[in-house]
Amino acid sequence: MLKPVVVVALLGVVFAQWGCSSFQTHAARDLRAIARNPDAHRGQMYAFYGRVIDASENATGLTLQMVVEDSPQIPGELLVAHFPARGTKVARGDNAKVLGRITSRVRGPNAFGGVAEGVGMDAIAVRAAGGGYLPSEEDSYRAWERGTLFTRR
């Protein structure tokens, strides 16, 4: 029974640190560099802040499409973050911060019928106007038990 307590305590430390201003959020230029070769960054932990342009939930969790910008004059980069929890209050138009591991390049249709490309991420924490979110204790424990909570995949 000690294992779940340790996992929850570790996540609490991550979340507390993540909420502090000292936690480094990467810029759009960093995401642009990752987009050129996402395989070289696969499994590495990054945090990004951006505007949510789409938020959708399904049986596996929440998927956020976000635009990460350095300034309004420079086009932003697309980040598609999958967060394995449901019931969040994150919505289109929110500004959000995500912490997670880079997965791969993602490609799909945009709202205008064209193709959008961006960088995929498996998020372990999300903070938005609606609050801060972590996976459930059960999901976190399973990830810790598999050895994938804080390790590269």
N, C-alpha and C. Protein backbone atom coordinates (compact mmCIF):
# COMPACT_ATOMS: atom_id res chain seq x y z
N MET A 1 0.81 -1.20 0.00
CA MET A 1 0.00 0.00 0.00
C MET A 1 0.86 1.26 0.00
N LEU A 2 2.12 1.13 0.30
CA LEU A 2 3.01 2.28 0.32
C LEU A 2 3.26 2.81 -1.08
N LYS A 3 3.27 1.95 -2.09
CA LYS A 3 3.58 2.37 -3.45
C LYS A 3 2.67 3.47 -3.97
N PRO A 4 1.32 3.35 -3.85
CA PRO A 4 0.47 4.43 -4.34
C PRO A 4 0.74 5.76 -3.63
N VAL A 5 1.06 5.72 -2.36
CA VAL A 5 1.33 6.93 -1.61
C VAL A 5 2.59 7.61 -2.15
N VAL A 6 3.62 6.82 -2.45
CA VAL A 6 4.87 7.35 -3.00
C VAL A 6 4.61 7.98 -4.35
N VAL A 7 3.85 7.32 -5.20
CA VAL A 7 3.55 7.84 -6.54
C VAL A 7 2.78 9.15 -6.44
N VAL A 8 1.77 9.18 -5.60
CA VAL A 8 0.97 10.39 -5.44
C VAL A 8 1.83 11.52 -4.87
N ALA A 9 2.71 11.20 -3.95
CA ALA A 9 3.61 12.22 -3.38
C ALA A 9 4.55 12.76 -4.45
N LEU A 10 5.10 11.89 -5.29
CA LEU A 10 5.97 12.33 -6.39
C LEU A 10 5.22 13.25 -7.34
N LEU A 11 4.00 12.87 -7.70
CA LEU A 11 3.21 13.72 -8.60
C LEU A 11 2.89 15.05 -7.94
N GLY A 12 2.65 15.03 -6.64
CA GLY A 12 2.40 16.28 -5.92
C GLY A 12 3.59 17.21 -5.99
N VAL A 13 4.79 16.66 -5.86
CA VAL A 13 6.01 17.46 -5.97
C VAL A 13 6.14 18.03 -7.38
N VAL A 14 5.90 17.20 -8.40
CA VAL A 14 5.98 17.66 -9.79
C VAL A 14 4.97 18.78 -10.01
N PHE A 15 3.75 18.59 -9.55
CA PHE A 15 2.70 19.58 -9.77
C PHE A 15 3.01 20.87 -9.03
N ALA A 16 3.51 20.77 -7.79
CA ALA A 16 3.85 21.96 -7.02
C ALA A 16 4.97 22.73 -7.72
N GLN A 17 5.98 22.03 -8.18
CA GLN A 17 7.08 22.66 -8.89
C GLN A 17 6.60 23.25 -10.21
N TRP A 18 5.70 22.54 -10.88
CA TRP A 18 5.21 22.97 -12.17
C TRP A 18 4.42 24.26 -12.06
N GLY A 19 3.74 24.45 -10.95
CA GLY A 19 2.96 25.65 -10.76
C GLY A 19 3.82 26.86 -10.42
N CYS A 20 5.06 26.65 -10.05
CA CYS A 20 5.95 27.76 -9.70
C CYS A 20 6.50 28.41 -10.95
N SER A 21 6.82 29.67 -10.84
CA SER A 21 7.33 30.40 -12.00
C SER A 21 8.72 29.93 -12.40
N SER A 22 9.43 29.20 -11.51
CA SER A 22 10.78 28.76 -11.83
C SER A 22 10.80 27.59 -12.82
N PHE A 23 9.65 26.96 -13.07
CA PHE A 23 9.62 25.85 -14.01
C PHE A 23 9.75 26.39 -15.42
N GLN A 24 10.69 25.87 -16.17
CA GLN A 24 10.97 26.38 -17.51
C GLN A 24 9.90 25.96 -18.52
N THR A 25 9.30 26.95 -19.16
CA THR A 25 8.40 26.70 -20.26
C THR A 25 9.17 26.99 -21.54
N HIS A 26 9.14 26.07 -22.46
CA HIS A 26 9.89 26.23 -23.70
C HIS A 26 9.15 27.13 -24.68
N ALA A 27 9.89 27.79 -25.53
CA ALA A 27 9.34 28.75 -26.48
C ALA A 27 8.94 28.07 -27.79
N ALA A 28 8.22 28.82 -28.61
CA ALA A 28 7.81 28.31 -29.93
C ALA A 28 9.02 27.97 -30.78
N ARG A 29 10.09 28.71 -30.65
CA ARG A 29 11.31 28.41 -31.44
C ARG A 29 11.85 27.03 -31.07
N ASP A 30 11.70 26.63 -29.79
CA ASP A 30 12.12 25.28 -29.37
C ASP A 30 11.21 24.23 -30.01
N LEU A 31 9.91 24.51 -30.04
CA LEU A 31 8.96 23.58 -30.66
C LEU A 31 9.22 23.48 -32.16
N ARG A 32 9.60 24.61 -32.79
CA ARG A 32 9.94 24.61 -34.21
C ARG A 32 11.13 23.69 -34.47
N ALA A 33 12.14 23.75 -33.60
CA ALA A 33 13.33 22.90 -33.74
C ALA A 33 12.95 21.43 -33.55
N ILE A 34 12.08 21.14 -32.60
CA ILE A 34 11.62 19.77 -32.37
C ILE A 34 10.85 19.27 -33.59
N ALA A 35 10.02 20.14 -34.18
CA ALA A 35 9.20 19.77 -35.34
C ALA A 35 10.06 19.35 -36.54
N ARG A 36 11.26 19.91 -36.65
CA ARG A 36 12.15 19.54 -37.77
C ARG A 36 12.63 18.09 -37.65
N ASN A 37 12.76 17.59 -36.40
CA ASN A 37 13.21 16.21 -36.20
C ASN A 37 12.65 15.67 -34.87
N PRO A 38 11.34 15.37 -34.84
CA PRO A 38 10.75 14.93 -33.57
C PRO A 38 11.32 13.61 -33.05
N ASP A 39 11.79 12.75 -33.94
CA ASP A 39 12.34 11.47 -33.49
C ASP A 39 13.55 11.66 -32.59
N ALA A 40 14.32 12.72 -32.82
CA ALA A 40 15.50 12.99 -32.00
C ALA A 40 15.10 13.43 -30.59
N HIS A 41 13.85 13.86 -30.42
CA HIS A 41 13.38 14.35 -29.12
C HIS A 41 12.36 13.41 -28.48
N ARG A 42 12.07 12.30 -29.15
CA ARG A 42 11.05 11.37 -28.65
C ARG A 42 11.38 10.94 -27.21
N GLY A 43 10.37 11.04 -26.35
CA GLY A 43 10.54 10.64 -24.95
C GLY A 43 11.10 11.71 -24.05
N GLN A 44 11.55 12.82 -24.60
CA GLN A 44 12.10 13.89 -23.77
C GLN A 44 10.97 14.74 -23.19
N MET A 45 11.17 15.23 -21.97
CA MET A 45 10.16 16.01 -21.26
C MET A 45 10.30 17.49 -21.62
N TYR A 46 9.17 18.10 -21.97
CA TYR A 46 9.10 19.53 -22.28
C TYR A 46 7.83 20.11 -21.68
N ALA A 47 7.82 21.40 -21.50
CA ALA A 47 6.61 22.13 -21.11
C ALA A 47 6.40 23.26 -22.10
N PHE A 48 5.16 23.45 -22.52
CA PHE A 48 4.82 24.52 -23.46
C PHE A 48 3.57 25.24 -22.97
N TYR A 49 3.49 26.52 -23.30
CA TYR A 49 2.35 27.35 -22.97
C TYR A 49 1.78 27.86 -24.28
N GLY A 50 0.47 27.77 -24.44
CA GLY A 50 -0.13 28.26 -25.68
C GLY A 50 -1.63 28.38 -25.59
N ARG A 51 -2.22 28.74 -26.72
CA ARG A 51 -3.67 28.92 -26.83
C ARG A 51 -4.30 27.65 -27.36
N VAL A 52 -5.33 27.17 -26.69
CA VAL A 52 -6.04 25.96 -27.10
C VAL A 52 -6.95 26.31 -28.27
N ILE A 53 -6.74 25.64 -29.42
CA ILE A 53 -7.61 25.88 -30.57
C ILE A 53 -8.63 24.76 -30.74
N ASP A 54 -8.41 23.65 -30.04
CA ASP A 54 -9.40 22.57 -30.02
C ASP A 54 -9.14 21.70 -28.80
N ALA A 55 -10.21 21.30 -28.14
CA ALA A 55 -10.12 20.40 -26.98
C ALA A 55 -11.22 19.36 -27.14
N SER A 56 -10.83 18.09 -27.21
CA SER A 56 -11.84 17.04 -27.38
C SER A 56 -11.52 15.87 -26.46
N GLU A 57 -12.58 15.28 -25.90
CA GLU A 57 -12.43 14.13 -25.03
C GLU A 57 -13.00 12.89 -25.69
N ASN A 58 -12.36 11.75 -25.43
CA ASN A 58 -12.90 10.46 -25.84
C ASN A 58 -12.60 9.47 -24.72
N ALA A 59 -12.74 8.20 -25.00
CA ALA A 59 -12.56 7.17 -23.97
C ALA A 59 -11.13 7.13 -23.42
N THR A 60 -10.14 7.60 -24.19
CA THR A 60 -8.75 7.53 -23.72
C THR A 60 -8.28 8.81 -23.06
N GLY A 61 -9.08 9.86 -23.08
CA GLY A 61 -8.69 11.09 -22.40
C GLY A 61 -8.95 12.33 -23.21
N LEU A 62 -8.20 13.36 -22.91
CA LEU A 62 -8.35 14.68 -23.51
C LEU A 62 -7.25 14.91 -24.54
N THR A 63 -7.62 15.41 -25.72
CA THR A 63 -6.64 15.80 -26.72
C THR A 63 -6.75 17.30 -26.92
N LEU A 64 -5.62 17.99 -26.75
CA LEU A 64 -5.56 19.44 -26.93
C LEU A 64 -4.75 19.77 -28.17
N GLN A 65 -5.30 20.60 -29.03
CA GLN A 65 -4.53 21.19 -30.12
C GLN A 65 -4.23 22.61 -29.68
N MET A 66 -2.95 22.94 -29.61
CA MET A 66 -2.54 24.24 -29.10
C MET A 66 -1.61 24.94 -30.07
N VAL A 67 -1.70 26.26 -30.10
CA VAL A 67 -0.76 27.08 -30.86
C VAL A 67 0.19 27.71 -29.85
N VAL A 68 1.48 27.42 -30.02
CA VAL A 68 2.52 27.96 -29.16
C VAL A 68 3.18 29.10 -29.93
N GLU A 69 3.14 30.31 -29.37
CA GLU A 69 3.67 31.49 -30.07
C GLU A 69 4.74 32.18 -29.23
N ASP A 70 5.74 32.77 -29.92
CA ASP A 70 6.71 33.62 -29.24
C ASP A 70 6.21 35.07 -29.24
N SER A 71 5.55 35.46 -30.34
CA SER A 71 4.97 36.79 -30.45
C SER A 71 3.87 36.75 -31.50
N PRO A 72 2.93 37.70 -31.44
CA PRO A 72 1.83 37.69 -32.41
C PRO A 72 2.28 37.90 -33.86
N GLN A 73 3.46 38.47 -34.06
CA GLN A 73 3.95 38.74 -35.41
C GLN A 73 4.55 37.50 -36.09
N ILE A 74 4.88 36.48 -35.31
CA ILE A 74 5.50 35.28 -35.87
C ILE A 74 4.49 34.14 -35.79
N PRO A 75 4.25 33.43 -36.90
CA PRO A 75 3.29 32.32 -36.84
C PRO A 75 3.67 31.30 -35.76
N GLY A 76 2.68 30.82 -35.05
CA GLY A 76 2.92 29.85 -33.98
C GLY A 76 3.11 28.44 -34.50
N GLU A 77 3.47 27.57 -33.60
CA GLU A 77 3.66 26.16 -33.91
C GLU A 77 2.53 25.35 -33.29
N LEU A 78 2.13 24.27 -33.97
CA LEU A 78 1.05 23.42 -33.48
C LEU A 78 1.61 22.32 -32.59
N LEU A 79 1.00 22.19 -31.41
CA LEU A 79 1.31 21.11 -30.47
C LEU A 79 0.02 20.35 -30.22
N VAL A 80 0.07 19.02 -30.36
CA VAL A 80 -1.10 18.18 -30.10
C VAL A 80 -0.75 17.31 -28.90
N ALA A 81 -1.38 17.64 -27.76
CA ALA A 81 -1.07 16.96 -26.51
C ALA A 81 -2.23 16.05 -26.11
N HIS A 82 -1.90 14.79 -25.82
CA HIS A 82 -2.91 13.85 -25.33
C HIS A 82 -2.69 13.68 -23.83
N PHE A 83 -3.76 13.90 -23.07
CA PHE A 83 -3.72 13.82 -21.62
C PHE A 83 -4.67 12.71 -21.17
N PRO A 84 -4.17 11.69 -20.45
CA PRO A 84 -4.99 10.50 -20.14
C PRO A 84 -5.97 10.69 -18.98
N ALA A 85 -6.73 11.76 -19.02
CA ALA A 85 -7.76 11.97 -17.99
C ALA A 85 -8.93 12.69 -18.64
N ARG A 86 -10.09 12.44 -18.09
CA ARG A 86 -11.30 13.07 -18.63
C ARG A 86 -11.93 13.94 -17.55
N GLY A 87 -12.87 14.77 -17.98
CA GLY A 87 -13.59 15.60 -17.03
C GLY A 87 -12.89 16.90 -16.68
N THR A 88 -11.93 17.32 -17.49
CA THR A 88 -11.28 18.60 -17.24
C THR A 88 -12.18 19.71 -17.77
N LYS A 89 -11.86 20.93 -17.39
CA LYS A 89 -12.63 22.08 -17.87
C LYS A 89 -11.87 22.85 -18.92
N VAL A 90 -10.86 22.26 -19.53
CA VAL A 90 -10.08 22.93 -20.56
C VAL A 90 -10.93 23.04 -21.82
N ALA A 91 -10.98 24.24 -22.40
CA ALA A 91 -11.84 24.48 -23.55
C ALA A 91 -11.13 25.31 -24.61
N ARG A 92 -11.68 25.28 -25.79
CA ARG A 92 -11.16 26.08 -26.91
C ARG A 92 -11.10 27.55 -26.47
N GLY A 93 -9.99 28.19 -26.80
CA GLY A 93 -9.80 29.59 -26.43
C GLY A 93 -9.04 29.79 -25.14
N ASP A 94 -8.92 28.75 -24.31
CA ASP A 94 -8.15 28.86 -23.07
C ASP A 94 -6.66 28.97 -23.37
N ASN A 95 -5.95 29.60 -22.48
CA ASN A 95 -4.49 29.51 -22.49
C ASN A 95 -4.14 28.38 -21.54
N ALA A 96 -3.23 27.52 -21.96
CA ALA A 96 -2.91 26.34 -21.16
C ALA A 96 -1.42 26.08 -21.17
N LYS A 97 -0.98 25.39 -20.14
CA LYS A 97 0.41 24.94 -20.02
C LYS A 97 0.36 23.43 -19.93
N VAL A 98 1.17 22.74 -20.74
CA VAL A 98 1.22 21.28 -20.70
C VAL A 98 2.64 20.83 -20.43
N LEU A 99 2.75 19.76 -19.68
CA LEU A 99 4.04 19.13 -19.38
C LEU A 99 3.93 17.69 -19.85
N GLY A 100 4.89 17.26 -20.65
CA GLY A 100 4.82 15.88 -21.13
C GLY A 100 6.01 15.51 -21.99
N ARG A 101 5.89 14.33 -22.58
CA ARG A 101 6.97 13.76 -23.40
C ARG A 101 6.61 13.84 -24.88
N ILE A 102 7.58 14.21 -25.68
CA ILE A 102 7.40 14.30 -27.13
C ILE A 102 7.19 12.89 -27.67
N THR A 103 6.23 12.75 -28.60
CA THR A 103 5.98 11.43 -29.20
C THR A 103 6.43 11.37 -30.65
N SER A 104 5.88 12.21 -31.51
CA SER A 104 6.19 12.13 -32.94
C SER A 104 5.59 13.34 -33.65
N ARG A 105 5.77 13.38 -34.95
CA ARG A 105 5.11 14.38 -35.78
C ARG A 105 3.67 13.90 -35.97
N VAL A 106 2.73 14.83 -35.91
CA VAL A 106 1.33 14.49 -36.14
C VAL A 106 0.83 15.27 -37.34
N ARG A 107 -0.13 14.68 -38.02
CA ARG A 107 -0.67 15.28 -39.23
C ARG A 107 -2.15 14.97 -39.29
N GLY A 108 -2.95 15.95 -39.67
CA GLY A 108 -4.38 15.73 -39.76
C GLY A 108 -5.08 16.91 -40.40
N PRO A 109 -6.38 16.78 -40.61
CA PRO A 109 -7.12 17.86 -41.26
C PRO A 109 -7.30 19.06 -40.33
N ASN A 110 -7.24 20.25 -40.90
CA ASN A 110 -7.53 21.44 -40.10
C ASN A 110 -8.96 21.88 -40.34
N ALA A 111 -9.37 22.94 -39.71
CA ALA A 111 -10.76 23.41 -39.79
C ALA A 111 -11.15 23.89 -41.19
N PHE A 112 -10.17 24.18 -42.03
CA PHE A 112 -10.45 24.71 -43.36
C PHE A 112 -10.35 23.64 -44.45
N GLY A 113 -10.17 22.38 -44.05
CA GLY A 113 -10.08 21.30 -45.01
C GLY A 113 -8.67 21.02 -45.50
N GLY A 114 -7.71 21.80 -45.04
CA GLY A 114 -6.32 21.56 -45.40
C GLY A 114 -5.66 20.59 -44.43
N VAL A 115 -4.36 20.47 -44.54
CA VAL A 115 -3.61 19.57 -43.68
C VAL A 115 -2.81 20.39 -42.68
N ALA A 116 -2.88 20.01 -41.42
CA ALA A 116 -2.11 20.65 -40.36
C ALA A 116 -1.06 19.66 -39.87
N GLU A 117 0.15 20.17 -39.62
CA GLU A 117 1.22 19.34 -39.08
C GLU A 117 1.72 19.97 -37.79
N GLY A 118 2.07 19.13 -36.84
CA GLY A 118 2.59 19.62 -35.58
C GLY A 118 3.37 18.54 -34.86
N VAL A 119 3.62 18.79 -33.61
CA VAL A 119 4.37 17.86 -32.77
C VAL A 119 3.41 17.23 -31.76
N GLY A 120 3.50 15.92 -31.58
CA GLY A 120 2.67 15.21 -30.62
C GLY A 120 3.34 15.12 -29.27
N MET A 121 2.52 15.06 -28.24
CA MET A 121 3.02 14.97 -26.87
C MET A 121 2.07 14.11 -26.04
N ASP A 122 2.66 13.26 -25.17
CA ASP A 122 1.89 12.57 -24.13
C ASP A 122 2.03 13.42 -22.88
N ALA A 123 0.96 14.14 -22.52
CA ALA A 123 1.01 15.06 -21.39
C ALA A 123 0.85 14.31 -20.07
N ILE A 124 1.59 14.74 -19.05
CA ILE A 124 1.41 14.17 -17.71
C ILE A 124 0.77 15.18 -16.78
N ALA A 125 0.68 16.45 -17.22
CA ALA A 125 0.01 17.47 -16.41
C ALA A 125 -0.46 18.58 -17.33
N VAL A 126 -1.59 19.17 -16.98
CA VAL A 126 -2.17 20.28 -17.74
C VAL A 126 -2.62 21.33 -16.74
N ARG A 127 -2.32 22.59 -17.04
CA ARG A 127 -2.81 23.70 -16.22
C ARG A 127 -3.47 24.70 -17.17
N ALA A 128 -4.72 25.07 -16.85
CA ALA A 128 -5.47 26.03 -17.65
C ALA A 128 -6.34 26.84 -16.71
N ALA A 129 -7.12 27.75 -17.29
CA ALA A 129 -7.99 28.62 -16.48
C ALA A 129 -8.91 27.81 -15.57
N GLY A 130 -9.32 26.63 -16.02
CA GLY A 130 -10.22 25.79 -15.23
C GLY A 130 -9.55 25.09 -14.07
N GLY A 131 -8.23 25.15 -13.97
CA GLY A 131 -7.51 24.51 -12.89
C GLY A 131 -6.32 23.71 -13.38
N GLY A 132 -5.69 22.99 -12.47
CA GLY A 132 -4.57 22.13 -12.80
C GLY A 132 -5.00 20.68 -12.74
N TYR A 133 -4.49 19.87 -13.64
CA TYR A 133 -4.94 18.48 -13.73
C TYR A 133 -3.75 17.53 -13.82
N LEU A 134 -3.88 16.43 -13.11
CA LEU A 134 -2.94 15.32 -13.18
C LEU A 134 -3.75 14.07 -13.48
N PRO A 135 -3.12 13.01 -14.00
CA PRO A 135 -3.86 11.76 -14.19
C PRO A 135 -4.36 11.26 -12.84
N SER A 136 -5.33 10.37 -12.88
CA SER A 136 -5.86 9.81 -11.64
C SER A 136 -4.76 9.06 -10.89
N GLU A 137 -4.95 8.85 -9.59
CA GLU A 137 -3.98 8.10 -8.80
C GLU A 137 -3.78 6.70 -9.37
N GLU A 138 -4.86 6.10 -9.82
CA GLU A 138 -4.79 4.75 -10.37
C GLU A 138 -3.95 4.72 -11.66
N ASP A 139 -4.20 5.67 -12.57
CA ASP A 139 -3.42 5.74 -13.81
C ASP A 139 -1.95 6.03 -13.52
N SER A 140 -1.70 6.93 -12.57
CA SER A 140 -0.33 7.27 -12.21
C SER A 140 0.39 6.07 -11.61
N TYR A 141 -0.31 5.33 -10.75
CA TYR A 141 0.29 4.15 -10.14
C TYR A 141 0.63 3.11 -11.20
N ARG A 142 -0.29 2.89 -12.14
CA ARG A 142 -0.01 1.91 -13.21
C ARG A 142 1.21 2.32 -14.03
N ALA A 143 1.32 3.61 -14.35
CA ALA A 143 2.48 4.09 -15.11
C ALA A 143 3.75 3.92 -14.30
N TRP A 144 3.69 4.20 -13.00
CA TRP A 144 4.86 4.01 -12.16
C TRP A 144 5.24 2.54 -12.09
N GLU A 145 4.23 1.67 -11.94
CA GLU A 145 4.47 0.23 -11.85
C GLU A 145 5.12 -0.30 -13.13
N ARG A 146 4.70 0.23 -14.28
CA ARG A 146 5.29 -0.17 -15.57
C ARG A 146 6.67 0.45 -15.78
N GLY A 147 7.00 1.43 -14.95
CA GLY A 147 8.29 2.11 -15.10
C GLY A 147 8.25 3.22 -16.14
N THR A 148 7.07 3.72 -16.48
CA THR A 148 6.96 4.73 -17.53
C THR A 148 6.54 6.10 -17.02
N LEU A 149 6.37 6.29 -15.73
CA LEU A 149 5.87 7.56 -15.21
C LEU A 149 6.86 8.69 -15.48
N PHE A 150 8.12 8.51 -15.11
CA PHE A 150 9.11 9.57 -15.31
C PHE A 150 10.29 9.12 -16.16
N THR A 151 10.11 8.09 -16.95
CA THR A 151 11.21 7.59 -17.76
C THR A 151 10.91 7.77 -19.23
N ARG A 152 11.95 7.79 -20.03
CA ARG A 152 11.78 7.87 -21.48
C ARG A 152 11.18 6.59 -22.00
N ARG A 153 10.38 6.72 -23.02
CA ARG A 153 9.77 5.53 -23.63
C ARG A 153 10.55 5.12 -24.84
